[in-house]
Protein backbone atom coordinates (compact mmCIF):
# COMPACT_ATOMS: atom_id res chain seq x y z
CA MET A 1 -0.01 -0.04 0.01
CA ASN A 2 1.30 3.39 -0.86
CA ARG A 3 0.81 6.34 1.42
CA SER A 4 1.48 10.03 1.13
CA ILE A 5 2.52 11.88 4.34
CA PHE A 6 2.15 15.41 5.48
CA LEU A 7 3.50 16.24 9.06
CA SER A 8 3.16 19.23 11.14
CA TYR A 9 4.12 19.76 14.80
CA ILE A 10 2.52 22.01 17.46
CA PHE A 11 4.52 22.51 20.71
CA VAL A 12 2.87 23.44 23.93
CA GLY A 13 4.74 25.45 26.46
CA SER A 14 3.03 24.16 29.56
CA ILE A 15 3.66 20.85 31.23
CA LEU A 16 1.99 19.32 34.13
CA TYR A 17 4.23 18.64 37.00
CA PRO A 18 3.61 16.45 39.96
CA GLN A 19 3.95 19.35 42.39
CA GLU A 20 5.65 22.73 42.56
CA LEU A 21 8.91 23.04 44.49
CA LYS A 22 10.71 26.28 45.45
CA TRP A 23 13.53 27.50 43.20
CA PRO A 24 16.62 26.77 45.35
CA THR A 25 18.28 30.19 45.21
CA ASN A 26 17.77 33.82 44.66
CA ALA A 27 20.70 33.93 42.44
CA GLY A 28 18.42 33.63 39.41
CA ASN A 29 17.02 31.07 37.09
CA ALA A 30 19.75 30.65 34.61
CA TYR A 31 22.08 27.76 34.58
CA SER A 32 25.12 26.42 32.93
CA SER A 33 24.73 22.66 33.19
CA ASN A 34 21.69 20.58 32.76
CA PHE A 35 20.57 17.14 34.22
CA GLY A 36 21.99 14.02 32.41
CA GLU A 37 24.83 15.76 30.48
CA TYR A 38 27.71 13.63 29.69
CA ARG A 39 31.00 14.42 31.52
CA ASP A 40 34.28 12.60 30.84
CA ASP A 41 33.63 9.75 33.08
CA HIS A 42 30.05 10.28 34.21
CA PHE A 43 26.57 11.87 33.71
CA HIS A 44 25.86 15.09 35.55
CA MET A 45 23.29 14.24 37.98
CA GLY A 46 21.87 17.88 38.73
CA LEU A 47 21.63 21.36 37.79
CA ASP A 48 24.40 23.92 37.92
CA ILE A 49 22.64 27.25 38.68
CA LYS A 50 24.63 30.31 37.75
CA THR A 51 25.43 32.85 40.61
CA ASN A 52 26.71 35.69 38.52
CA GLY A 53 30.44 35.01 39.34
CA ARG A 54 29.61 35.71 42.95
CA THR A 55 29.04 33.64 46.32
CA GLY A 56 26.74 34.34 49.08
CA TYR A 57 23.35 34.09 47.50
CA GLU A 58 20.49 32.69 49.56
CA VAL A 59 19.71 28.92 49.41
CA TYR A 60 16.22 27.86 50.13
CA ALA A 61 14.53 24.54 51.25
CA ILE A 62 12.38 23.49 48.03
CA GLU A 63 9.82 21.88 50.25
CA ASN A 64 8.99 21.22 53.92
CA GLY A 65 11.25 18.69 55.56
CA PHE A 66 14.54 18.44 57.53
CA ILE A 67 18.37 18.82 57.15
CA SER A 68 19.44 15.25 57.16
CA ARG A 69 23.25 15.60 56.40
CA ILE A 70 25.95 18.10 56.23
CA VAL A 71 29.40 17.42 54.56
CA SER A 72 32.45 19.19 53.78
CA ASN A 73 35.53 18.20 51.87
CA TYR A 74 38.31 19.73 49.78
CA ASN A 75 36.95 18.28 46.57
CA GLY A 76 33.86 16.89 45.18
CA TYR A 77 30.69 18.67 46.61
CA GLY A 78 32.86 20.67 48.95
CA LYS A 79 30.63 22.15 51.53
CA ALA A 80 27.16 20.64 51.15
CA LEU A 81 23.92 19.69 52.78
CA TYR A 82 21.09 17.33 52.21
CA LEU A 83 17.44 17.95 52.67
CA LYS A 84 14.93 15.16 53.10
CA THR A 85 11.38 16.55 52.15
CA VAL A 86 7.95 15.46 53.31
CA SER A 87 7.10 14.09 49.85
CA GLY A 88 10.04 11.70 50.17
CA HIS A 89 12.55 13.48 48.02
CA ILE A 90 16.25 14.21 48.79
CA ALA A 91 17.53 17.56 47.75
CA VAL A 92 21.42 18.09 47.62
CA TYR A 93 22.92 21.63 47.61
CA ALA A 94 26.58 21.63 46.84
CA HIS A 95 29.65 23.85 46.63
CA LEU A 96 28.21 26.08 49.37
CA ASP A 97 30.00 28.95 51.04
CA LYS A 98 28.00 28.72 54.26
CA PHE A 99 25.32 26.89 56.11
CA THR A 100 22.78 28.78 58.46
CA PRO A 101 24.26 30.23 61.65
CA ILE A 102 23.18 27.14 63.70
CA LEU A 103 24.46 24.58 61.22
CA GLU A 104 27.68 26.55 61.06
CA LYS A 105 28.10 26.06 64.63
CA VAL A 106 27.35 22.47 64.42
CA TRP A 107 29.70 22.05 61.53
CA ARG A 108 32.59 23.75 63.36
CA LEU A 109 32.06 21.57 66.33
CA GLN A 110 32.35 18.55 64.15
CA GLN A 111 35.58 19.85 62.63
CA SER A 112 37.03 20.51 66.19
CA ARG A 113 35.95 16.96 67.39
CA GLY A 114 37.43 15.32 64.19
CA LYS A 115 40.48 17.80 63.99
CA SER A 116 39.71 17.89 60.30
CA TYR A 117 38.10 20.14 57.68
CA ILE A 118 36.49 16.94 56.33
CA VAL A 119 32.88 16.44 58.00
CA ASN A 120 30.08 14.12 57.30
CA THR A 121 27.41 14.28 59.81
CA ASN A 122 23.74 12.94 59.69
CA PHE A 123 20.96 14.24 61.58
CA SER A 124 17.40 12.85 62.80
CA SER A 125 14.17 14.22 61.36
CA ARG A 126 13.61 16.04 64.80
CA GLU A 127 16.73 18.13 64.86
CA PHE A 128 16.69 20.56 61.96
CA GLN A 129 13.19 20.84 60.54
CA VAL A 130 12.60 23.51 57.85
CA LYS A 131 9.74 24.86 55.96
CA LYS A 132 9.52 25.42 52.21
CA GLY A 133 11.24 28.74 51.33
CA ASP A 134 13.52 28.81 54.63
CA ILE A 135 17.03 29.97 54.13
CA ILE A 136 19.23 26.94 54.68
CA GLY A 137 22.62 28.08 53.34
CA TYR A 138 24.34 30.36 50.94
CA THR A 139 25.97 29.64 47.56
CA GLY A 140 29.81 29.41 47.06
CA ASN A 141 32.63 27.99 45.32
CA THR A 142 34.02 25.02 47.38
CA GLY A 143 35.11 21.61 46.58
CA SER A 144 35.68 20.68 42.87
CA SER A 145 34.11 23.88 41.47
CA PHE A 146 35.94 25.97 39.02
CA ALA A 147 33.56 29.05 39.40
CA PRO A 148 31.01 30.08 41.73
CA HIS A 149 27.64 28.34 41.22
CA LEU A 150 25.07 26.06 43.01
CA HIS A 151 24.92 22.43 42.07
CA PHE A 152 21.58 21.21 42.90
CA GLU A 153 20.31 17.52 42.84
CA LEU A 154 16.96 16.10 43.33
CA ARG A 155 16.80 12.29 44.32
CA ASN A 156 13.90 9.88 45.14
CA SER A 157 13.60 7.97 48.47
CA LYS A 158 15.95 5.32 47.10
CA ASN A 159 18.65 8.02 46.71
CA GLU A 160 18.19 7.57 42.80
CA PRO A 161 18.81 10.85 40.79
CA LEU A 162 15.73 12.61 39.19
CA ASP A 163 15.60 15.37 36.73
CA PRO A 164 14.55 18.42 38.89
CA LEU A 165 12.97 20.18 35.88
CA SER A 166 10.68 17.24 35.21
CA ASN A 167 9.77 16.70 38.86
CA GLY A 168 8.29 19.78 40.33
CA LEU A 169 11.09 22.54 40.04
CA LEU A 170 9.09 24.75 37.87
CA ARG A 171 10.73 27.29 35.25
CA THR A 172 9.23 29.24 32.55
CA ASP A 173 10.48 27.87 29.26
CA GLY A 174 9.13 29.67 26.13
CA VAL A 175 11.69 28.73 23.68
CA THR A 176 10.32 26.53 20.89
CA PRO A 177 12.44 23.47 19.73
CA ILE A 178 14.11 23.91 16.32
CA LEU A 179 13.68 20.86 14.10
CA SER A 180 16.15 20.15 11.30
CA LYS A 181 15.82 16.59 9.88
CA LEU A 182 13.33 13.71 10.04
CA ALA A 183 14.45 10.03 9.54
CA PHE A 184 12.07 7.41 8.09
CA ILE A 185 13.25 3.94 9.09
CA PRO A 186 11.78 0.80 7.41
CA LEU A 187 10.75 -1.62 10.08
CA SER A 188 10.12 -4.88 7.98
CA PRO A 189 11.75 -6.47 4.88
CA GLU A 190 8.99 -5.34 2.52
CA ALA A 191 8.86 -1.82 3.88
CA MET A 192 10.09 1.01 1.69
CA VAL A 193 10.31 4.73 1.87
CA ASN A 194 10.56 6.47 -1.58
CA SER A 195 11.12 3.11 -3.29
CA SER A 196 14.13 2.42 -0.88
CA SER A 197 14.67 -0.12 1.81
CA LEU A 198 17.17 2.23 3.36
CA THR A 199 16.50 4.79 6.08
CA GLN A 200 15.75 8.03 4.46
CA ILE A 201 16.80 11.39 6.13
CA ILE A 202 14.72 14.23 5.10
CA PRO A 203 15.40 18.08 5.78
CA LEU A 204 12.60 19.96 7.26
CA PHE A 205 11.72 23.51 6.38
CA ARG A 206 9.55 25.77 8.51
CA ASP A 207 7.15 28.21 6.98
CA LYS A 208 6.12 31.66 8.29
CA SER A 209 3.35 30.03 10.25
CA GLY A 210 5.62 27.73 12.05
CA VAL A 211 4.70 24.64 10.24
CA TYR A 212 7.40 22.22 9.25
CA LEU A 213 7.21 20.80 5.72
CA PHE A 214 9.21 18.53 3.40
CA ALA A 215 10.34 19.70 0.08
CA ASP A 216 8.45 16.92 -1.61
CA THR A 217 5.85 14.28 -1.10
CA LEU A 218 7.16 10.93 0.27
CA SER A 219 5.61 7.58 -0.57
CA THR A 220 5.89 4.64 1.90
CA ILE A 221 5.10 0.88 1.75
CA GLY A 222 4.67 -1.16 4.99
CA ASP A 223 5.64 -0.22 8.50
CA PHE A 224 8.27 2.39 9.40
CA GLY A 225 9.61 4.35 12.28
CA LEU A 226 10.44 8.01 12.84
CA ALA A 227 13.46 9.73 14.34
CA ILE A 228 13.92 13.39 14.54
CA GLN A 229 16.88 15.70 14.80
CA ALA A 230 16.27 18.93 16.76
CA ILE A 231 17.64 21.51 19.16
CA ASP A 232 15.60 22.13 22.39
CA LYS A 233 17.21 25.03 24.26
CA ARG A 234 15.57 26.14 27.62
CA GLU A 235 15.16 29.80 28.54
CA GLY A 236 18.21 30.92 30.54
CA SER A 237 20.47 27.95 29.71
């Protein structure tokens, strides 16, 4: 059976999130690294939020919960804290300059006891409870950080990483994806696209109304799959 195909795409800017979390800092919404980006030997499991080349911006509790852990080290996350939320999430705030005054006292006490800058201290749910929006620290440039920023992670109750922007950390994103090519992939021995059994990669053109078009009509026989090449930038990235 021959089929002629016309495709158009409509992108909707609003996405339904499970809940709204507080943005973790007042430094702004721009970030330099996204969740899942590939690094030399690992994937980046958080957001690197820009702090305009400065330290000392406020860091907020994204949700009600309690401070479950504070750490400090010469490398890695540097000075960091962990927040367990009432919804079961774990939020990680890394490369901090300072904690709150009371946590700073606890941190210095742990340093004194261990006679070391390196600290790794856990707390119970009764000790340092916080409300959504409470100040819990200040952005910095500690650990393996090459410029001031806030490294923020969101994890589930099993300590598995989550994409913060897909799990309640809301941000305005009005940037429409830009499509460039569409691949038609035959999925069976008898399938053909434009009389060929090989994958056909077709350039896309966008008209003034925003609809993407092919330069010509395609003919297909049998079952085929689609793959798309596109650039999807977020606002502030």
